[in-house]
Amino acid sequence: MKILHLIFFFCLWFLSCHDKVEEPNLYWGEANVIMNNKFISLKPYGFTDGVRLNIYLDSFNAQGFLRYEIVLGMLELKEYSTDTMVSFNNLGSNLSEYAALYTFLEDGDVQGNFYNLQNVSSNLIKVTNLNTVNNEIYGEFNLTFVIDTIWGINDGSAPDTIMIQNGTFHTKIYE
């Protein structure tokens, strides 16, 4: 029995001595917005399937917990000319591109509220540069979100409407 305990403890010691594998840092670049008249810096990253592109813009509090995630989703991956705009003015007419905002509570792993785009003419995303050699994208955006009450409101102190103004992003696109 002592031999089994020694083998068990040796295995635990051996396994604990290996270097831990760090997860890759997906965040690259910079992004900034004015959210309900407050300046916020975001950490951006993007993914593509080769045809469509999703850009994620995450905001963390001072303790490092996720608080907001803005998703600019299903953008067509193509050579953009300067000032190409994706407009969300006719929300029901184009079912591919979308934008959403999520809030998070506690230590960043509890879903707060979900926000949909409000149907206003000022909603737009402008891709200012898409560099396919370096897999980088630059852009600007203005979006207005309204809280989605269908799934319930998890944070009663959250505003009904969130206005994103003067949003900018520059990030890498991962496959």
Protein backbone atom coordinates (compact mmCIF):
# COMPACT_ATOMS: atom_id res chain seq x y z
CA MET A 1 0.00 0.00 0.00
CA LYS A 2 2.90 2.37 0.74
CA ILE A 3 4.22 1.72 -2.76
CA LEU A 4 0.86 2.79 -4.30
CA HIS A 5 0.87 5.99 -2.23
CA LEU A 6 4.45 6.74 -3.30
CA ILE A 7 3.59 6.13 -6.94
CA PHE A 8 0.48 8.32 -6.61
CA PHE A 9 2.41 11.20 -5.01
CA PHE A 10 5.23 10.84 -7.53
CA CYS A 11 2.71 11.10 -10.37
CA LEU A 12 1.13 14.20 -8.78
CA TRP A 13 4.54 15.80 -8.34
CA PHE A 14 5.57 14.92 -11.89
CA LEU A 15 2.38 16.32 -13.41
CA SER A 16 2.57 19.52 -11.37
CA CYS A 17 6.15 20.23 -12.51
CA HIS A 18 5.27 20.65 -16.18
CA ASP A 19 5.08 24.16 -17.52
CA LYS A 20 1.54 25.33 -17.89
CA VAL A 21 0.52 26.08 -21.43
CA GLU A 22 -0.58 29.68 -21.78
CA GLU A 23 -3.63 30.37 -23.89
CA PRO A 24 -2.82 32.59 -26.84
CA ASN A 25 -3.73 36.24 -26.45
CA LEU A 26 -6.32 36.96 -29.12
CA TYR A 27 -6.46 40.67 -28.40
CA TRP A 28 -4.46 42.80 -30.77
CA GLY A 29 -4.65 46.47 -31.70
CA GLU A 30 -6.79 49.16 -30.21
CA ALA A 31 -10.39 50.30 -30.11
CA ASN A 32 -12.15 53.23 -28.46
CA VAL A 33 -15.73 54.40 -28.11
CA ILE A 34 -17.79 57.00 -26.38
CA MET A 35 -20.48 54.94 -24.65
CA ASN A 36 -23.33 57.02 -23.25
CA ASN A 37 -21.00 60.05 -23.11
CA LYS A 38 -18.17 58.13 -21.36
CA PHE A 39 -14.85 57.37 -23.11
CA ILE A 40 -14.00 53.64 -23.01
CA SER A 41 -10.95 51.77 -24.35
CA LEU A 42 -11.65 48.31 -25.70
CA LYS A 43 -9.56 45.26 -26.56
CA PRO A 44 -10.29 44.10 -30.12
CA TYR A 45 -9.89 40.90 -32.13
CA GLY A 46 -11.42 39.53 -35.32
CA PHE A 47 -12.18 36.14 -36.85
CA THR A 48 -13.00 35.13 -40.39
CA ASP A 49 -14.12 32.00 -42.18
CA GLY A 50 -12.64 33.42 -45.38
CA VAL A 51 -15.95 34.94 -46.50
CA ARG A 52 -17.41 36.73 -43.48
CA LEU A 53 -15.77 38.61 -40.62
CA ASN A 54 -16.71 39.05 -36.96
CA ILE A 55 -15.05 41.78 -34.89
CA TYR A 56 -15.21 41.59 -31.09
CA LEU A 57 -14.54 44.63 -28.91
CA ASP A 58 -14.23 43.80 -25.20
CA SER A 59 -14.14 46.12 -22.18
CA PHE A 60 -12.74 45.08 -18.81
CA ASN A 61 -12.98 46.70 -15.38
CA ALA A 62 -9.97 47.60 -13.18
CA GLN A 63 -9.92 44.05 -11.74
CA GLY A 64 -9.68 42.57 -15.24
CA PHE A 65 -13.26 41.26 -15.39
CA LEU A 66 -15.16 41.41 -18.68
CA ARG A 67 -17.93 44.03 -18.58
CA TYR A 68 -18.98 44.75 -22.19
CA GLU A 69 -18.63 43.01 -25.53
CA ILE A 70 -19.59 44.73 -28.76
CA VAL A 71 -19.89 42.38 -31.74
CA LEU A 72 -19.77 43.63 -35.31
CA GLY A 73 -20.81 40.47 -37.04
CA MET A 74 -20.93 38.74 -40.40
CA LEU A 75 -19.28 41.59 -42.31
CA GLU A 76 -18.44 40.60 -45.84
CA LEU A 77 -14.69 40.05 -46.22
CA LYS A 78 -13.70 41.82 -49.43
CA GLU A 79 -11.39 44.49 -50.67
CA TYR A 80 -12.88 47.66 -49.26
CA SER A 81 -12.32 51.00 -50.82
CA THR A 82 -11.79 53.91 -48.47
CA ASP A 83 -14.99 54.89 -46.69
CA THR A 84 -17.01 51.79 -47.58
CA MET A 85 -19.97 51.74 -45.19
CA VAL A 86 -22.12 48.94 -43.84
CA SER A 87 -25.38 50.62 -42.94
CA PHE A 88 -27.90 49.21 -40.52
CA ASN A 89 -30.67 51.63 -41.43
CA ASN A 90 -33.00 48.93 -42.78
CA LEU A 91 -32.70 46.32 -40.07
CA GLY A 92 -35.19 43.84 -41.49
CA SER A 93 -33.92 44.00 -45.07
CA ASN A 94 -30.43 42.53 -44.63
CA LEU A 95 -30.23 39.46 -42.46
CA SER A 96 -26.48 38.92 -42.72
CA GLU A 97 -24.62 41.82 -41.09
CA TYR A 98 -25.45 42.56 -37.48
CA ALA A 99 -24.19 44.31 -34.37
CA ALA A 100 -24.93 43.43 -30.76
CA LEU A 101 -23.82 44.44 -27.29
CA TYR A 102 -23.55 42.14 -24.28
CA THR A 103 -22.96 43.09 -20.66
CA PHE A 104 -21.36 40.86 -18.04
CA LEU A 105 -21.66 40.76 -14.26
CA GLU A 106 -19.74 39.37 -11.28
CA ASP A 107 -16.31 38.13 -12.35
CA GLY A 108 -17.06 38.42 -16.07
CA ASP A 109 -18.61 35.01 -16.59
CA VAL A 110 -22.22 35.88 -15.72
CA GLN A 111 -24.33 37.19 -18.61
CA GLY A 112 -25.79 40.58 -17.83
CA ASN A 113 -28.05 42.05 -20.46
CA PHE A 114 -28.29 41.69 -24.22
CA TYR A 115 -28.76 44.73 -26.44
CA ASN A 116 -30.06 44.80 -30.02
CA LEU A 117 -29.57 47.58 -32.52
CA GLN A 118 -32.19 50.27 -32.32
CA ASN A 119 -33.58 51.16 -35.75
CA VAL A 120 -32.04 54.61 -36.19
CA SER A 121 -30.45 56.15 -39.25
CA SER A 122 -27.14 56.89 -37.48
CA ASN A 123 -26.18 53.18 -37.16
CA LEU A 124 -23.21 52.48 -39.39
CA ILE A 125 -19.86 50.77 -39.64
CA LYS A 126 -17.26 52.26 -41.94
CA VAL A 127 -14.32 50.05 -42.93
CA THR A 128 -11.52 52.51 -43.65
CA ASN A 129 -8.82 49.95 -44.53
CA LEU A 130 -8.61 46.19 -44.95
CA ASN A 131 -5.04 44.97 -45.32
CA THR A 132 -5.25 41.34 -46.48
CA VAL A 133 -1.44 40.96 -46.52
CA ASN A 134 -1.10 41.64 -42.77
CA ASN A 135 -4.69 40.55 -41.93
CA GLU A 136 -5.50 43.90 -40.34
CA ILE A 137 -8.70 45.91 -40.45
CA TYR A 138 -9.39 49.52 -39.54
CA GLY A 139 -12.78 51.10 -39.11
CA GLU A 140 -15.16 53.53 -37.49
CA PHE A 141 -18.69 53.05 -36.21
CA ASN A 142 -21.69 54.68 -34.54
CA LEU A 143 -24.37 52.41 -33.09
CA THR A 144 -27.39 52.76 -30.84
CA PHE A 145 -28.50 49.72 -28.86
CA VAL A 146 -31.72 49.06 -26.96
CA ILE A 147 -32.03 46.47 -24.20
CA ASP A 148 -33.61 43.15 -25.21
CA THR A 149 -36.27 42.25 -22.64
CA ILE A 150 -37.30 38.95 -24.23
CA TRP A 151 -34.64 37.01 -22.30
CA GLY A 152 -35.18 39.03 -19.13
CA ILE A 153 -33.19 41.81 -17.57
CA ASN A 154 -30.37 40.47 -15.41
CA ASP A 155 -28.99 43.86 -14.37
CA GLY A 156 -31.81 46.17 -13.32
CA SER A 157 -29.45 49.14 -13.02
CA ALA A 158 -28.49 48.94 -16.72
CA PRO A 159 -29.68 51.70 -19.05
CA ASP A 160 -32.44 50.97 -21.56
CA THR A 161 -30.41 52.49 -24.40
CA ILE A 162 -26.66 52.53 -25.04
CA MET A 163 -25.30 54.98 -27.60
CA ILE A 164 -21.90 54.23 -29.12
CA GLN A 165 -20.36 57.29 -30.74
CA ASN A 166 -17.01 57.92 -32.44
CA GLY A 167 -16.11 54.23 -32.27
CA THR A 168 -12.80 53.27 -33.86
CA PHE A 169 -11.00 49.95 -34.20
CA HIS A 170 -7.77 48.54 -35.60
CA THR A 171 -7.15 44.82 -35.13
CA LYS A 172 -5.83 41.62 -36.63
CA ILE A 173 -8.11 39.09 -38.29
CA TYR A 174 -7.57 35.46 -37.28
CA GLU A 175 -8.75 32.44 -39.26
